[in-house]
mmCIF file of all heavy atoms, coordinates in Angstrom:
data_MODEL
# 
_entry.id   MODEL 
# 
loop_
_atom_site.group_PDB 
_atom_site.id 
_atom_site.type_symbol 
_atom_site.label_atom_id 
_atom_site.label_alt_id 
_atom_site.label_comp_id 
_atom_site.label_asym_id 
_atom_site.label_entity_id 
_atom_site.label_seq_id 
_atom_site.pdbx_PDB_ins_code 
_atom_site.Cartn_x 
_atom_site.Cartn_y 
_atom_site.Cartn_z 
_atom_site.occupancy 
_atom_site.B_iso_or_equiv 
_atom_site.pdbx_formal_charge 
_atom_site.auth_seq_id 
_atom_site.auth_comp_id 
_atom_site.auth_asym_id 
_atom_site.auth_atom_id 
_atom_site.pdbx_PDB_model_num 
ATOM 1   N N   . GLN A 1 1  ? 140.663 58.388 -136.942 1.00 0.00 ? 1  GLN A N   1 
ATOM 2   C CA  . GLN A 1 1  ? 140.083 57.065 -137.224 1.00 0.00 ? 1  GLN A CA  1 
ATOM 3   C C   . GLN A 1 1  ? 139.931 56.886 -138.733 1.00 0.00 ? 1  GLN A C   1 
ATOM 4   O O   . GLN A 1 1  ? 139.489 57.784 -139.441 1.00 0.00 ? 1  GLN A O   1 
ATOM 5   C CB  . GLN A 1 1  ? 138.751 56.898 -136.526 1.00 0.00 ? 1  GLN A CB  1 
ATOM 6   C CG  . GLN A 1 1  ? 138.830 56.885 -135.036 1.00 0.00 ? 1  GLN A CG  1 
ATOM 7   C CD  . GLN A 1 1  ? 137.436 56.758 -134.377 1.00 0.00 ? 1  GLN A CD  1 
ATOM 8   O OE1 . GLN A 1 1  ? 136.590 56.044 -134.888 1.00 0.00 ? 1  GLN A OE1 1 
ATOM 9   N NE2 . GLN A 1 1  ? 137.261 57.452 -133.245 1.00 0.00 ? 1  GLN A NE2 1 
ATOM 10  N N   . THR A 1 2  ? 140.238 55.723 -139.219 1.00 0.00 ? 2  THR A N   1 
ATOM 11  C CA  . THR A 1 2  ? 140.155 55.445 -140.660 1.00 0.00 ? 2  THR A CA  1 
ATOM 12  C C   . THR A 1 2  ? 138.761 55.744 -141.194 1.00 0.00 ? 2  THR A C   1 
ATOM 13  O O   . THR A 1 2  ? 138.606 56.343 -142.270 1.00 0.00 ? 2  THR A O   1 
ATOM 14  C CB  . THR A 1 2  ? 140.540 53.968 -140.951 1.00 0.00 ? 2  THR A CB  1 
ATOM 15  O OG1 . THR A 1 2  ? 141.835 53.715 -140.351 1.00 0.00 ? 2  THR A OG1 1 
ATOM 16  C CG2 . THR A 1 2  ? 140.627 53.705 -142.430 1.00 0.00 ? 2  THR A CG2 1 
ATOM 17  N N   . ARG A 1 3  ? 137.732 55.369 -140.419 1.00 0.00 ? 3  ARG A N   1 
ATOM 18  C CA  . ARG A 1 3  ? 136.385 55.537 -140.949 1.00 0.00 ? 3  ARG A CA  1 
ATOM 19  C C   . ARG A 1 3  ? 135.948 57.024 -141.008 1.00 0.00 ? 3  ARG A C   1 
ATOM 20  O O   . ARG A 1 3  ? 134.942 57.355 -141.619 1.00 0.00 ? 3  ARG A O   1 
ATOM 21  C CB  . ARG A 1 3  ? 135.404 54.770 -140.073 1.00 0.00 ? 3  ARG A CB  1 
ATOM 22  C CG  . ARG A 1 3  ? 135.301 55.211 -138.635 1.00 0.00 ? 3  ARG A CG  1 
ATOM 23  C CD  . ARG A 1 3  ? 134.419 54.290 -137.823 1.00 0.00 ? 3  ARG A CD  1 
ATOM 24  N NE  . ARG A 1 3  ? 134.408 54.666 -136.436 1.00 0.00 ? 3  ARG A NE  1 
ATOM 25  C CZ  . ARG A 1 3  ? 133.588 55.560 -135.901 1.00 0.00 ? 3  ARG A CZ  1 
ATOM 26  N NH1 . ARG A 1 3  ? 132.701 56.176 -136.669 1.00 0.00 ? 3  ARG A NH1 1 
ATOM 27  N NH2 . ARG A 1 3  ? 133.595 55.838 -134.625 1.00 0.00 ? 3  ARG A NH2 1 
ATOM 28  N N   . LYS A 1 4  ? 136.737 57.905 -140.400 1.00 0.00 ? 4  LYS A N   1 
ATOM 29  C CA  . LYS A 1 4  ? 136.379 59.328 -140.441 1.00 0.00 ? 4  LYS A CA  1 
ATOM 30  C C   . LYS A 1 4  ? 137.234 60.147 -141.393 1.00 0.00 ? 4  LYS A C   1 
ATOM 31  O O   . LYS A 1 4  ? 137.065 61.359 -141.501 1.00 0.00 ? 4  LYS A O   1 
ATOM 32  C CB  . LYS A 1 4  ? 136.479 59.910 -139.003 1.00 0.00 ? 4  LYS A CB  1 
ATOM 33  C CG  . LYS A 1 4  ? 135.440 59.314 -138.066 1.00 0.00 ? 4  LYS A CG  1 
ATOM 34  C CD  . LYS A 1 4  ? 135.353 60.073 -136.754 1.00 0.00 ? 4  LYS A CD  1 
ATOM 35  C CE  . LYS A 1 4  ? 134.224 59.530 -135.904 1.00 0.00 ? 4  LYS A CE  1 
ATOM 36  N NZ  . LYS A 1 4  ? 134.034 60.274 -134.665 1.00 0.00 ? 4  LYS A NZ  1 
ATOM 37  N N   . VAL A 1 5  ? 138.114 59.483 -142.126 1.00 0.00 ? 5  VAL A N   1 
ATOM 38  C CA  . VAL A 1 5  ? 138.992 60.169 -143.076 1.00 0.00 ? 5  VAL A CA  1 
ATOM 39  C C   . VAL A 1 5  ? 138.142 60.960 -144.089 1.00 0.00 ? 5  VAL A C   1 
ATOM 40  O O   . VAL A 1 5  ? 138.427 62.134 -144.400 1.00 0.00 ? 5  VAL A O   1 
ATOM 41  C CB  . VAL A 1 5  ? 139.903 59.181 -143.791 1.00 0.00 ? 5  VAL A CB  1 
ATOM 42  C CG1 . VAL A 1 5  ? 140.571 59.824 -145.002 1.00 0.00 ? 5  VAL A CG1 1 
ATOM 43  C CG2 . VAL A 1 5  ? 140.972 58.657 -142.812 1.00 0.00 ? 5  VAL A CG2 1 
ATOM 44  N N   . LYS A 1 6  ? 137.100 60.309 -144.619 1.00 0.00 ? 6  LYS A N   1 
ATOM 45  C CA  . LYS A 1 6  ? 136.311 60.962 -145.672 1.00 0.00 ? 6  LYS A CA  1 
ATOM 46  C C   . LYS A 1 6  ? 135.640 62.233 -145.212 1.00 0.00 ? 6  LYS A C   1 
ATOM 47  O O   . LYS A 1 6  ? 135.348 63.119 -145.997 1.00 0.00 ? 6  LYS A O   1 
ATOM 48  C CB  . LYS A 1 6  ? 135.259 59.989 -146.230 1.00 0.00 ? 6  LYS A CB  1 
ATOM 49  C CG  . LYS A 1 6  ? 134.264 59.515 -145.225 1.00 0.00 ? 6  LYS A CG  1 
ATOM 50  C CD  . LYS A 1 6  ? 133.295 58.471 -145.824 1.00 0.00 ? 6  LYS A CD  1 
ATOM 51  C CE  . LYS A 1 6  ? 132.289 57.992 -144.824 1.00 0.00 ? 6  LYS A CE  1 
ATOM 52  N NZ  . LYS A 1 6  ? 131.427 56.921 -145.390 1.00 0.00 ? 6  LYS A NZ  1 
ATOM 53  N N   . GLN A 1 7  ? 135.400 62.388 -143.871 1.00 0.00 ? 7  GLN A N   1 
ATOM 54  C CA  . GLN A 1 7  ? 134.762 63.575 -143.357 1.00 0.00 ? 7  GLN A CA  1 
ATOM 55  C C   . GLN A 1 7  ? 135.658 64.793 -143.394 1.00 0.00 ? 7  GLN A C   1 
ATOM 56  O O   . GLN A 1 7  ? 135.209 65.915 -143.565 1.00 0.00 ? 7  GLN A O   1 
ATOM 57  C CB  . GLN A 1 7  ? 134.319 63.346 -141.937 1.00 0.00 ? 7  GLN A CB  1 
ATOM 58  C CG  . GLN A 1 7  ? 133.210 62.343 -141.717 1.00 0.00 ? 7  GLN A CG  1 
ATOM 59  C CD  . GLN A 1 7  ? 132.872 62.190 -140.248 1.00 0.00 ? 7  GLN A CD  1 
ATOM 60  O OE1 . GLN A 1 7  ? 133.100 61.142 -139.642 1.00 0.00 ? 7  GLN A OE1 1 
ATOM 61  N NE2 . GLN A 1 7  ? 132.362 63.233 -139.644 1.00 0.00 ? 7  GLN A NE2 1 
ATOM 62  N N   . VAL A 1 8  ? 136.968 64.568 -143.231 1.00 0.00 ? 8  VAL A N   1 
ATOM 63  C CA  . VAL A 1 8  ? 137.876 65.722 -142.980 1.00 0.00 ? 8  VAL A CA  1 
ATOM 64  C C   . VAL A 1 8  ? 138.981 65.933 -144.016 1.00 0.00 ? 8  VAL A C   1 
ATOM 65  O O   . VAL A 1 8  ? 139.528 67.022 -144.088 1.00 0.00 ? 8  VAL A O   1 
ATOM 66  C CB  . VAL A 1 8  ? 138.496 65.605 -141.591 1.00 0.00 ? 8  VAL A CB  1 
ATOM 67  C CG1 . VAL A 1 8  ? 137.481 65.431 -140.500 1.00 0.00 ? 8  VAL A CG1 1 
ATOM 68  C CG2 . VAL A 1 8  ? 139.533 64.474 -141.508 1.00 0.00 ? 8  VAL A CG2 1 
ATOM 69  N N   . ILE A 1 9  ? 139.297 64.907 -144.810 1.00 0.00 ? 9  ILE A N   1 
ATOM 70  C CA  . ILE A 1 9  ? 140.559 64.946 -145.514 1.00 0.00 ? 9  ILE A CA  1 
ATOM 71  C C   . ILE A 1 9  ? 140.654 66.083 -146.536 1.00 0.00 ? 9  ILE A C   1 
ATOM 72  O O   . ILE A 1 9  ? 141.752 66.644 -146.786 1.00 0.00 ? 9  ILE A O   1 
ATOM 73  C CB  . ILE A 1 9  ? 140.872 63.594 -146.147 1.00 0.00 ? 9  ILE A CB  1 
ATOM 74  C CG1 . ILE A 1 9  ? 142.349 63.464 -146.424 1.00 0.00 ? 9  ILE A CG1 1 
ATOM 75  C CG2 . ILE A 1 9  ? 140.057 63.364 -147.420 1.00 0.00 ? 9  ILE A CG2 1 
ATOM 76  C CD1 . ILE A 1 9  ? 143.224 63.477 -145.170 1.00 0.00 ? 9  ILE A CD1 1 
ATOM 77  N N   . ASP A 1 10 ? 139.534 66.466 -147.126 1.00 0.00 ? 10 ASP A N   1 
ATOM 78  C CA  . ASP A 1 10 ? 139.608 67.566 -148.115 1.00 0.00 ? 10 ASP A CA  1 
ATOM 79  C C   . ASP A 1 10 ? 139.350 68.928 -147.488 1.00 0.00 ? 10 ASP A C   1 
ATOM 80  O O   . ASP A 1 10 ? 139.262 69.920 -148.199 1.00 0.00 ? 10 ASP A O   1 
ATOM 81  C CB  . ASP A 1 10 ? 138.614 67.306 -149.253 1.00 0.00 ? 10 ASP A CB  1 
ATOM 82  C CG  . ASP A 1 10 ? 139.113 66.221 -150.193 1.00 0.00 ? 10 ASP A CG  1 
ATOM 83  O OD1 . ASP A 1 10 ? 140.357 66.152 -150.415 1.00 0.00 ? 10 ASP A OD1 1 
ATOM 84  O OD2 . ASP A 1 10 ? 138.317 65.401 -150.678 1.00 0.00 ? 10 ASP A OD2 1 
ATOM 85  N N   . THR A 1 11 ? 139.202 68.931 -146.154 1.00 0.00 ? 11 THR A N   1 
ATOM 86  C CA  . THR A 1 11 ? 139.029 70.194 -145.426 1.00 0.00 ? 11 THR A CA  1 
ATOM 87  C C   . THR A 1 11 ? 140.331 70.689 -144.850 1.00 0.00 ? 11 THR A C   1 
ATOM 88  O O   . THR A 1 11 ? 140.534 71.891 -144.651 1.00 0.00 ? 11 THR A O   1 
ATOM 89  C CB  . THR A 1 11 ? 137.975 69.998 -144.283 1.00 0.00 ? 11 THR A CB  1 
ATOM 90  O OG1 . THR A 1 11 ? 136.778 69.546 -144.877 1.00 0.00 ? 11 THR A OG1 1 
ATOM 91  C CG2 . THR A 1 11 ? 137.728 71.292 -143.545 1.00 0.00 ? 11 THR A CG2 1 
ATOM 92  N N   . ILE A 1 12 ? 141.243 69.768 -144.573 1.00 0.00 ? 12 ILE A N   1 
ATOM 93  C CA  . ILE A 1 12 ? 142.480 70.117 -143.854 1.00 0.00 ? 12 ILE A CA  1 
ATOM 94  C C   . ILE A 1 12 ? 143.614 70.395 -144.843 1.00 0.00 ? 12 ILE A C   1 
ATOM 95  O O   . ILE A 1 12 ? 143.608 69.960 -146.019 1.00 0.00 ? 12 ILE A O   1 
ATOM 96  C CB  . ILE A 1 12 ? 142.907 69.029 -142.876 1.00 0.00 ? 12 ILE A CB  1 
ATOM 97  C CG1 . ILE A 1 12 ? 143.205 67.675 -143.597 1.00 0.00 ? 12 ILE A CG1 1 
ATOM 98  C CG2 . ILE A 1 12 ? 141.860 68.853 -141.780 1.00 0.00 ? 12 ILE A CG2 1 
ATOM 99  C CD1 . ILE A 1 12 ? 143.743 66.600 -142.686 1.00 0.00 ? 12 ILE A CD1 1 
ATOM 100 N N   . ASP A 1 13 ? 144.602 71.148 -144.353 1.00 0.00 ? 13 ASP A N   1 
ATOM 101 C CA  . ASP A 1 13 ? 145.807 71.444 -145.097 1.00 0.00 ? 13 ASP A CA  1 
ATOM 102 C C   . ASP A 1 13 ? 146.984 70.561 -144.626 1.00 0.00 ? 13 ASP A C   1 
ATOM 103 O O   . ASP A 1 13 ? 147.880 70.283 -145.402 1.00 0.00 ? 13 ASP A O   1 
ATOM 104 C CB  . ASP A 1 13 ? 146.205 72.912 -144.970 1.00 0.00 ? 13 ASP A CB  1 
ATOM 105 C CG  . ASP A 1 13 ? 145.082 73.834 -145.502 1.00 0.00 ? 13 ASP A CG  1 
ATOM 106 O OD1 . ASP A 1 13 ? 144.971 73.938 -146.735 1.00 0.00 ? 13 ASP A OD1 1 
ATOM 107 O OD2 . ASP A 1 13 ? 144.349 74.402 -144.677 1.00 0.00 ? 13 ASP A OD2 1 
ATOM 108 N N   . PHE A 1 14 ? 146.945 70.196 -143.348 1.00 0.00 ? 14 PHE A N   1 
ATOM 109 C CA  . PHE A 1 14 ? 148.018 69.406 -142.748 1.00 0.00 ? 14 PHE A CA  1 
ATOM 110 C C   . PHE A 1 14 ? 147.433 68.314 -141.865 1.00 0.00 ? 14 PHE A C   1 
ATOM 111 O O   . PHE A 1 14 ? 146.474 68.567 -141.116 1.00 0.00 ? 14 PHE A O   1 
ATOM 112 C CB  . PHE A 1 14 ? 148.937 70.283 -141.859 1.00 0.00 ? 14 PHE A CB  1 
ATOM 113 C CG  . PHE A 1 14 ? 149.650 71.385 -142.572 1.00 0.00 ? 14 PHE A CG  1 
ATOM 114 C CD1 . PHE A 1 14 ? 149.024 72.641 -142.752 1.00 0.00 ? 14 PHE A CD1 1 
ATOM 115 C CD2 . PHE A 1 14 ? 150.936 71.217 -143.068 1.00 0.00 ? 14 PHE A CD2 1 
ATOM 116 C CE1 . PHE A 1 14 ? 149.664 73.652 -143.398 1.00 0.00 ? 14 PHE A CE1 1 
ATOM 117 C CE2 . PHE A 1 14 ? 151.613 72.233 -143.683 1.00 0.00 ? 14 PHE A CE2 1 
ATOM 118 C CZ  . PHE A 1 14 ? 150.967 73.482 -143.874 1.00 0.00 ? 14 PHE A CZ  1 
ATOM 119 N N   . LEU A 1 15 ? 148.028 67.118 -141.918 1.00 0.00 ? 15 LEU A N   1 
ATOM 120 C CA  . LEU A 1 15 ? 147.688 66.041 -140.971 1.00 0.00 ? 15 LEU A CA  1 
ATOM 121 C C   . LEU A 1 15 ? 148.938 65.733 -140.166 1.00 0.00 ? 15 LEU A C   1 
ATOM 122 O O   . LEU A 1 15 ? 149.988 65.464 -140.722 1.00 0.00 ? 15 LEU A O   1 
ATOM 123 C CB  . LEU A 1 15 ? 147.235 64.799 -141.744 1.00 0.00 ? 15 LEU A CB  1 
ATOM 124 C CG  . LEU A 1 15 ? 147.002 63.549 -140.870 1.00 0.00 ? 15 LEU A CG  1 
ATOM 125 C CD1 . LEU A 1 15 ? 145.764 63.743 -139.992 1.00 0.00 ? 15 LEU A CD1 1 
ATOM 126 C CD2 . LEU A 1 15 ? 146.838 62.281 -141.728 1.00 0.00 ? 15 LEU A CD2 1 
ATOM 127 N N   . HIS A 1 16 ? 148.794 65.810 -138.836 1.00 0.00 ? 16 HIS A N   1 
ATOM 128 C CA  . HIS A 1 16 ? 149.952 65.613 -137.921 1.00 0.00 ? 16 HIS A CA  1 
ATOM 129 C C   . HIS A 1 16 ? 150.050 64.186 -137.377 1.00 0.00 ? 16 HIS A C   1 
ATOM 130 O O   . HIS A 1 16 ? 150.886 63.947 -136.530 1.00 0.00 ? 16 HIS A O   1 
ATOM 131 C CB  . HIS A 1 16 ? 149.881 66.603 -136.766 1.00 0.00 ? 16 HIS A CB  1 
ATOM 132 C CG  . HIS A 1 16 ? 150.172 68.009 -137.136 1.00 0.00 ? 16 HIS A CG  1 
ATOM 133 N ND1 . HIS A 1 16 ? 151.238 68.725 -136.677 1.00 0.00 ? 16 HIS A ND1 1 
ATOM 134 C CD2 . HIS A 1 16 ? 149.507 68.894 -137.970 1.00 0.00 ? 16 HIS A CD2 1 
ATOM 135 C CE1 . HIS A 1 16 ? 151.231 69.965 -137.193 1.00 0.00 ? 16 HIS A CE1 1 
ATOM 136 N NE2 . HIS A 1 16 ? 150.154 70.068 -137.975 1.00 0.00 ? 16 HIS A NE2 1 
ATOM 137 N N   . SER A 1 17 ? 149.190 63.276 -137.809 1.00 0.00 ? 17 SER A N   1 
ATOM 138 C CA  . SER A 1 17 ? 149.077 62.005 -137.094 1.00 0.00 ? 17 SER A CA  1 
ATOM 139 C C   . SER A 1 17 ? 149.039 60.812 -138.022 1.00 0.00 ? 17 SER A C   1 
ATOM 140 O O   . SER A 1 17 ? 148.297 59.835 -137.781 1.00 0.00 ? 17 SER A O   1 
ATOM 141 C CB  . SER A 1 17 ? 147.838 62.042 -136.202 1.00 0.00 ? 17 SER A CB  1 
ATOM 142 O OG  . SER A 1 17 ? 146.700 62.417 -136.972 1.00 0.00 ? 17 SER A OG  1 
ATOM 143 N N   . LEU A 1 18 ? 149.799 60.805 -139.107 1.00 0.00 ? 18 LEU A N   1 
ATOM 144 C CA  . LEU A 1 18 ? 149.869 59.626 -139.981 1.00 0.00 ? 18 LEU A CA  1 
ATOM 145 C C   . LEU A 1 18 ? 150.715 58.574 -139.268 1.00 0.00 ? 18 LEU A C   1 
ATOM 146 O O   . LEU A 1 18 ? 151.916 58.770 -139.048 1.00 0.00 ? 18 LEU A O   1 
ATOM 147 C CB  . LEU A 1 18 ? 150.510 60.005 -141.312 1.00 0.00 ? 18 LEU A CB  1 
ATOM 148 C CG  . LEU A 1 18 ? 150.635 58.861 -142.339 1.00 0.00 ? 18 LEU A CG  1 
ATOM 149 C CD1 . LEU A 1 18 ? 149.308 58.170 -142.616 1.00 0.00 ? 18 LEU A CD1 1 
ATOM 150 C CD2 . LEU A 1 18 ? 151.253 59.406 -143.641 1.00 0.00 ? 18 LEU A CD2 1 
ATOM 151 N N   . ASP A 1 19 ? 150.112 57.472 -138.872 1.00 0.00 ? 19 ASP A N   1 
ATOM 152 C CA  . ASP A 1 19 ? 150.810 56.500 -138.032 1.00 0.00 ? 19 ASP A CA  1 
ATOM 153 C C   . ASP A 1 19 ? 150.576 55.026 -138.386 1.00 0.00 ? 19 ASP A C   1 
ATOM 154 O O   . ASP A 1 19 ? 151.001 54.146 -137.666 1.00 0.00 ? 19 ASP A O   1 
ATOM 155 C CB  . ASP A 1 19 ? 150.414 56.732 -136.524 1.00 0.00 ? 19 ASP A CB  1 
ATOM 156 C CG  . ASP A 1 19 ? 148.934 56.497 -136.292 1.00 0.00 ? 19 ASP A CG  1 
ATOM 157 O OD1 . ASP A 1 19 ? 148.171 56.287 -137.242 1.00 0.00 ? 19 ASP A OD1 1 
ATOM 158 O OD2 . ASP A 1 19 ? 148.537 56.524 -135.103 1.00 0.00 ? 19 ASP A OD2 1 
ATOM 159 N N   . ARG A 1 20 ? 149.877 54.779 -139.526 1.00 0.00 ? 20 ARG A N   1 
ATOM 160 C CA  . ARG A 1 20 ? 149.632 53.372 -139.917 1.00 0.00 ? 20 ARG A CA  1 
ATOM 161 C C   . ARG A 1 20 ? 149.272 53.336 -141.396 1.00 0.00 ? 20 ARG A C   1 
ATOM 162 O O   . ARG A 1 20 ? 148.740 54.280 -141.966 1.00 0.00 ? 20 ARG A O   1 
ATOM 163 C CB  . ARG A 1 20 ? 148.535 52.769 -139.057 1.00 0.00 ? 20 ARG A CB  1 
ATOM 164 C CG  . ARG A 1 20 ? 147.228 53.476 -139.124 1.00 0.00 ? 20 ARG A CG  1 
ATOM 165 C CD  . ARG A 1 20 ? 146.318 53.105 -137.942 1.00 0.00 ? 20 ARG A CD  1 
ATOM 166 N NE  . ARG A 1 20 ? 144.971 53.669 -138.090 1.00 0.00 ? 20 ARG A NE  1 
ATOM 167 C CZ  . ARG A 1 20 ? 144.633 54.944 -137.830 1.00 0.00 ? 20 ARG A CZ  1 
ATOM 168 N NH1 . ARG A 1 20 ? 145.544 55.760 -137.381 1.00 0.00 ? 20 ARG A NH1 1 
ATOM 169 N NH2 . ARG A 1 20 ? 143.393 55.342 -138.012 1.00 0.00 ? 20 ARG A NH2 1 
ATOM 170 N N   . LEU A 1 21 ? 149.559 52.191 -141.964 1.00 0.00 ? 21 LEU A N   1 
ATOM 171 C CA  . LEU A 1 21 ? 149.360 52.014 -143.414 1.00 0.00 ? 21 LEU A CA  1 
ATOM 172 C C   . LEU A 1 21 ? 147.875 52.065 -143.771 1.00 0.00 ? 21 LEU A C   1 
ATOM 173 O O   . LEU A 1 21 ? 147.509 52.604 -144.811 1.00 0.00 ? 21 LEU A O   1 
ATOM 174 C CB  . LEU A 1 21 ? 149.968 50.668 -143.873 1.00 0.00 ? 21 LEU A CB  1 
ATOM 175 C CG  . LEU A 1 21 ? 150.197 50.506 -145.344 1.00 0.00 ? 21 LEU A CG  1 
ATOM 176 C CD1 . LEU A 1 21 ? 151.094 51.635 -145.895 1.00 0.00 ? 21 LEU A CD1 1 
ATOM 177 C CD2 . LEU A 1 21 ? 150.811 49.135 -145.642 1.00 0.00 ? 21 LEU A CD2 1 
ATOM 178 N N   . SER A 1 22 ? 147.023 51.538 -142.922 1.00 0.00 ? 22 SER A N   1 
ATOM 179 C CA  . SER A 1 22 ? 145.584 51.547 -143.227 1.00 0.00 ? 22 SER A CA  1 
ATOM 180 C C   . SER A 1 22 ? 145.034 52.984 -143.352 1.00 0.00 ? 22 SER A C   1 
ATOM 181 O O   . SER A 1 22 ? 144.174 53.239 -144.164 1.00 0.00 ? 22 SER A O   1 
ATOM 182 C CB  . SER A 1 22 ? 144.802 50.795 -142.164 1.00 0.00 ? 22 SER A CB  1 
ATOM 183 O OG  . SER A 1 22 ? 144.970 51.377 -140.872 1.00 0.00 ? 22 SER A OG  1 
ATOM 184 N N   . LEU A 1 23 ? 145.598 53.881 -142.548 1.00 0.00 ? 23 LEU A N   1 
ATOM 185 C CA  . LEU A 1 23 ? 145.198 55.304 -142.641 1.00 0.00 ? 23 LEU A CA  1 
ATOM 186 C C   . LEU A 1 23 ? 145.694 55.911 -143.959 1.00 0.00 ? 23 LEU A C   1 
ATOM 187 O O   . LEU A 1 23 ? 144.964 56.626 -144.630 1.00 0.00 ? 23 LEU A O   1 
ATOM 188 C CB  . LEU A 1 23 ? 145.755 56.081 -141.444 1.00 0.00 ? 23 LEU A CB  1 
ATOM 189 C CG  . LEU A 1 23 ? 145.492 57.568 -141.391 1.00 0.00 ? 23 LEU A CG  1 
ATOM 190 C CD1 . LEU A 1 23 ? 143.989 57.846 -141.423 1.00 0.00 ? 23 LEU A CD1 1 
ATOM 191 C CD2 . LEU A 1 23 ? 146.120 58.204 -140.149 1.00 0.00 ? 23 LEU A CD2 1 
ATOM 192 N N   . ALA A 1 24 ? 146.895 55.560 -144.355 1.00 0.00 ? 24 ALA A N   1 
ATOM 193 C CA  . ALA A 1 24 ? 147.455 56.065 -145.622 1.00 0.00 ? 24 ALA A CA  1 
ATOM 194 C C   . ALA A 1 24 ? 146.616 55.552 -146.786 1.00 0.00 ? 24 ALA A C   1 
ATOM 195 O O   . ALA A 1 24 ? 146.308 56.307 -147.713 1.00 0.00 ? 24 ALA A O   1 
ATOM 196 C CB  . ALA A 1 24 ? 148.899 55.583 -145.779 1.00 0.00 ? 24 ALA A CB  1 
ATOM 197 N N   . GLU A 1 25 ? 146.202 54.328 -146.736 1.00 0.00 ? 25 GLU A N   1 
ATOM 198 C CA  . GLU A 1 25 ? 145.390 53.744 -147.804 1.00 0.00 ? 25 GLU A CA  1 
ATOM 199 C C   . GLU A 1 25 ? 144.028 54.462 -147.925 1.00 0.00 ? 25 GLU A C   1 
ATOM 200 O O   . GLU A 1 25 ? 143.559 54.708 -149.026 1.00 0.00 ? 25 GLU A O   1 
ATOM 201 C CB  . GLU A 1 25 ? 145.153 52.230 -147.561 1.00 0.00 ? 25 GLU A CB  1 
ATOM 202 C CG  . GLU A 1 25 ? 146.469 51.421 -147.718 1.00 0.00 ? 25 GLU A CG  1 
ATOM 203 C CD  . GLU A 1 25 ? 146.342 49.979 -147.221 1.00 0.00 ? 25 GLU A CD  1 
ATOM 204 O OE1 . GLU A 1 25 ? 145.398 49.706 -146.458 1.00 0.00 ? 25 GLU A OE1 1 
ATOM 205 O OE2 . GLU A 1 25 ? 147.176 49.168 -147.605 1.00 0.00 ? 25 GLU A OE2 1 
# 
């Protein structure tokens, strides 16, 4: 979920589920 990106993005090494522009932003 876009609103949860800030919780996890600097913890992970790989994201397997990039599927929309809003998530990329």
